Amino acid sequence: MYETIEEYEMDDTRIIFQHDNDPRHKAKSVQEWLGKQLFEVLEWPPQSPDLNPIEHLWALLKRRLNQYETPPSGMLELWERIHFQFYEITEDECARLYESMPRRIEAVLMAKGMWTDY
C-alpha cells in the first residue's frame, strides 16, 4: 500500500482507506496497525460488494481478460495481460463507477440490505 502512496506522491493525511471489513481485517493486530496510520479509515459495512465500486472495476478487468482468444501461456503472459488491460481502464470508466454510488446505495436501501442487481 505504501508503495502506491509513494508512487503517486499522495499525502497520507488526506487519504481515506477503505477495506471490506472481512473478519481477518478485524484482528487486533490489524486494528492496532490501522490506528497508528496517518490516514483515516472509512467505516464500511462488512462484506458489502454491492456498495464497493472496486468490485465492479475488478469485474471489468476480468471481462477484458476473458476476451482473449487463447489462455495465457504462463504467469508472465497473464501478468502482462493484466497490466496492459488495467492501464487501459479510462478515467471516464472510473468516474462512472464513482458516479453510480448514489444509485447503488438506493438499490441496497430498497432491497433492505440484501443483494441487488449491482
Protein backbone atom coordinates (compact mmCIF):
# COMPACT_ATOMS: atom_id res chain seq x y z
CA MET A 1 0.00 0.00 0.00
CA TYR A 2 2.73 2.45 0.90
CA GLU A 3 4.41 1.82 -2.44
CA THR A 4 1.27 3.14 -4.13
CA ILE A 5 1.10 6.16 -1.81
CA GLU A 6 4.72 6.98 -2.60
CA GLU A 7 4.40 6.28 -6.35
CA TYR A 8 1.52 8.73 -6.68
CA GLU A 9 3.08 11.18 -4.22
CA MET A 10 -0.04 11.14 -2.08
CA ASP A 11 -0.38 12.91 1.26
CA ASP A 12 -1.05 10.27 3.98
CA THR A 13 -3.12 12.75 5.96
CA ARG A 14 -5.55 13.23 3.04
CA ILE A 15 -6.13 9.54 2.34
CA ILE A 16 -9.29 7.71 3.35
CA PHE A 17 -8.56 3.99 3.41
CA GLN A 18 -11.36 1.56 2.61
CA HIS A 19 -11.41 -2.18 3.15
CA ASP A 20 -14.26 -4.66 3.22
CA ASN A 21 -14.29 -5.40 6.97
CA ASP A 22 -13.55 -9.05 6.34
CA PRO A 23 -13.20 -10.72 9.74
CA ARG A 24 -9.43 -11.02 9.14
CA HIS A 25 -9.27 -7.22 8.95
CA LYS A 26 -10.82 -7.00 12.40
CA ALA A 27 -7.92 -8.83 14.05
CA LYS A 28 -6.45 -6.92 16.95
CA SER A 29 -3.06 -6.62 15.21
CA VAL A 30 -4.67 -5.14 12.09
CA GLN A 31 -6.78 -2.71 14.11
CA GLU A 32 -3.71 -1.61 16.07
CA TRP A 33 -1.74 -1.09 12.84
CA LEU A 34 -4.56 0.91 11.26
CA GLY A 35 -4.83 3.02 14.40
CA LYS A 36 -1.19 4.08 14.07
CA GLN A 37 -1.52 5.27 10.46
CA LEU A 38 -1.88 8.88 9.39
CA PHE A 39 -4.74 8.09 7.03
CA GLU A 40 -8.40 7.90 8.00
CA VAL A 41 -10.14 4.51 7.83
CA LEU A 42 -13.59 4.62 6.27
CA GLU A 43 -16.29 2.87 8.27
CA TRP A 44 -17.77 0.29 5.95
CA PRO A 45 -20.40 -2.44 6.33
CA PRO A 46 -18.87 -5.93 6.45
CA GLN A 47 -18.59 -7.76 3.13
CA SER A 48 -20.73 -5.41 1.06
CA PRO A 49 -19.68 -5.77 -2.59
CA ASP A 50 -22.95 -4.13 -3.63
CA LEU A 51 -21.54 -0.83 -2.41
CA ASN A 52 -17.89 -1.21 -3.25
CA PRO A 53 -17.09 0.16 -6.72
CA ILE A 54 -13.70 -1.59 -6.78
CA GLU A 55 -15.55 -4.92 -7.11
CA HIS A 56 -17.02 -3.65 -10.37
CA LEU A 57 -13.64 -2.41 -11.55
CA TRP A 58 -12.23 -5.92 -10.98
CA ALA A 59 -15.22 -7.36 -12.88
CA LEU A 60 -14.47 -5.01 -15.79
CA LEU A 61 -10.84 -6.13 -15.80
CA LYS A 62 -11.90 -9.79 -15.69
CA ARG A 63 -14.28 -9.31 -18.64
CA ARG A 64 -11.46 -7.78 -20.65
CA LEU A 65 -9.12 -10.62 -19.79
CA ASN A 66 -11.77 -13.14 -20.84
CA GLN A 67 -11.90 -11.58 -24.33
CA TYR A 68 -8.55 -13.07 -25.30
CA GLU A 69 -8.99 -15.94 -27.75
CA THR A 70 -6.42 -18.14 -26.01
CA PRO A 71 -5.49 -18.55 -22.37
CA PRO A 72 -2.15 -17.11 -21.27
CA SER A 73 0.81 -19.44 -21.79
CA GLY A 74 2.02 -18.85 -18.23
CA MET A 75 2.16 -16.48 -15.28
CA LEU A 76 4.31 -13.94 -17.12
CA GLU A 77 1.87 -13.62 -20.00
CA LEU A 78 -1.07 -13.44 -17.57
CA TRP A 79 0.66 -10.64 -15.66
CA GLU A 80 1.39 -8.79 -18.93
CA ARG A 81 -2.26 -9.03 -19.96
CA ILE A 82 -3.46 -7.86 -16.54
CA HIS A 83 -1.01 -4.97 -16.57
CA PHE A 84 -1.98 -3.93 -20.10
CA GLN A 85 -5.74 -4.18 -19.53
CA PHE A 86 -5.59 -2.44 -16.15
CA TYR A 87 -3.90 0.59 -17.67
CA GLU A 88 -6.47 0.62 -20.48
CA ILE A 89 -9.23 1.40 -17.98
CA THR A 90 -10.11 5.03 -18.56
CA GLU A 91 -10.76 7.84 -16.13
CA ASP A 92 -14.30 8.02 -17.55
CA GLU A 93 -14.92 4.38 -16.64
CA CYS A 94 -13.68 5.01 -13.09
CA ALA A 95 -15.78 8.18 -12.87
CA ARG A 96 -18.90 6.27 -13.94
CA LEU A 97 -18.32 3.78 -11.11
CA TYR A 98 -17.92 6.64 -8.64
CA GLU A 99 -20.99 8.42 -10.00
CA SER A 100 -23.05 5.23 -9.66
CA MET A 101 -22.67 5.24 -5.86
CA PRO A 102 -25.94 7.08 -5.10
CA ARG A 103 -27.85 4.55 -7.26
CA ARG A 104 -26.03 1.65 -5.58
CA ILE A 105 -26.88 2.95 -2.12
CA GLU A 106 -30.50 3.50 -3.10
CA ALA A 107 -30.71 -0.05 -4.50
CA VAL A 108 -29.31 -1.52 -1.27
CA LEU A 109 -31.78 0.51 0.79
CA MET A 110 -34.66 -0.60 -1.43
CA ALA A 111 -33.50 -4.22 -1.05
CA LYS A 112 -33.35 -3.73 2.75
CA GLY A 113 -29.68 -4.62 2.81
CA MET A 114 -29.98 -7.66 0.61
CA TRP A 115 -28.19 -8.24 -2.72
CA THR A 116 -29.00 -6.00 -5.65
CA ASP A 117 -28.51 -6.17 -9.42
CA TYR A 118 -25.24 -4.32 -8.96
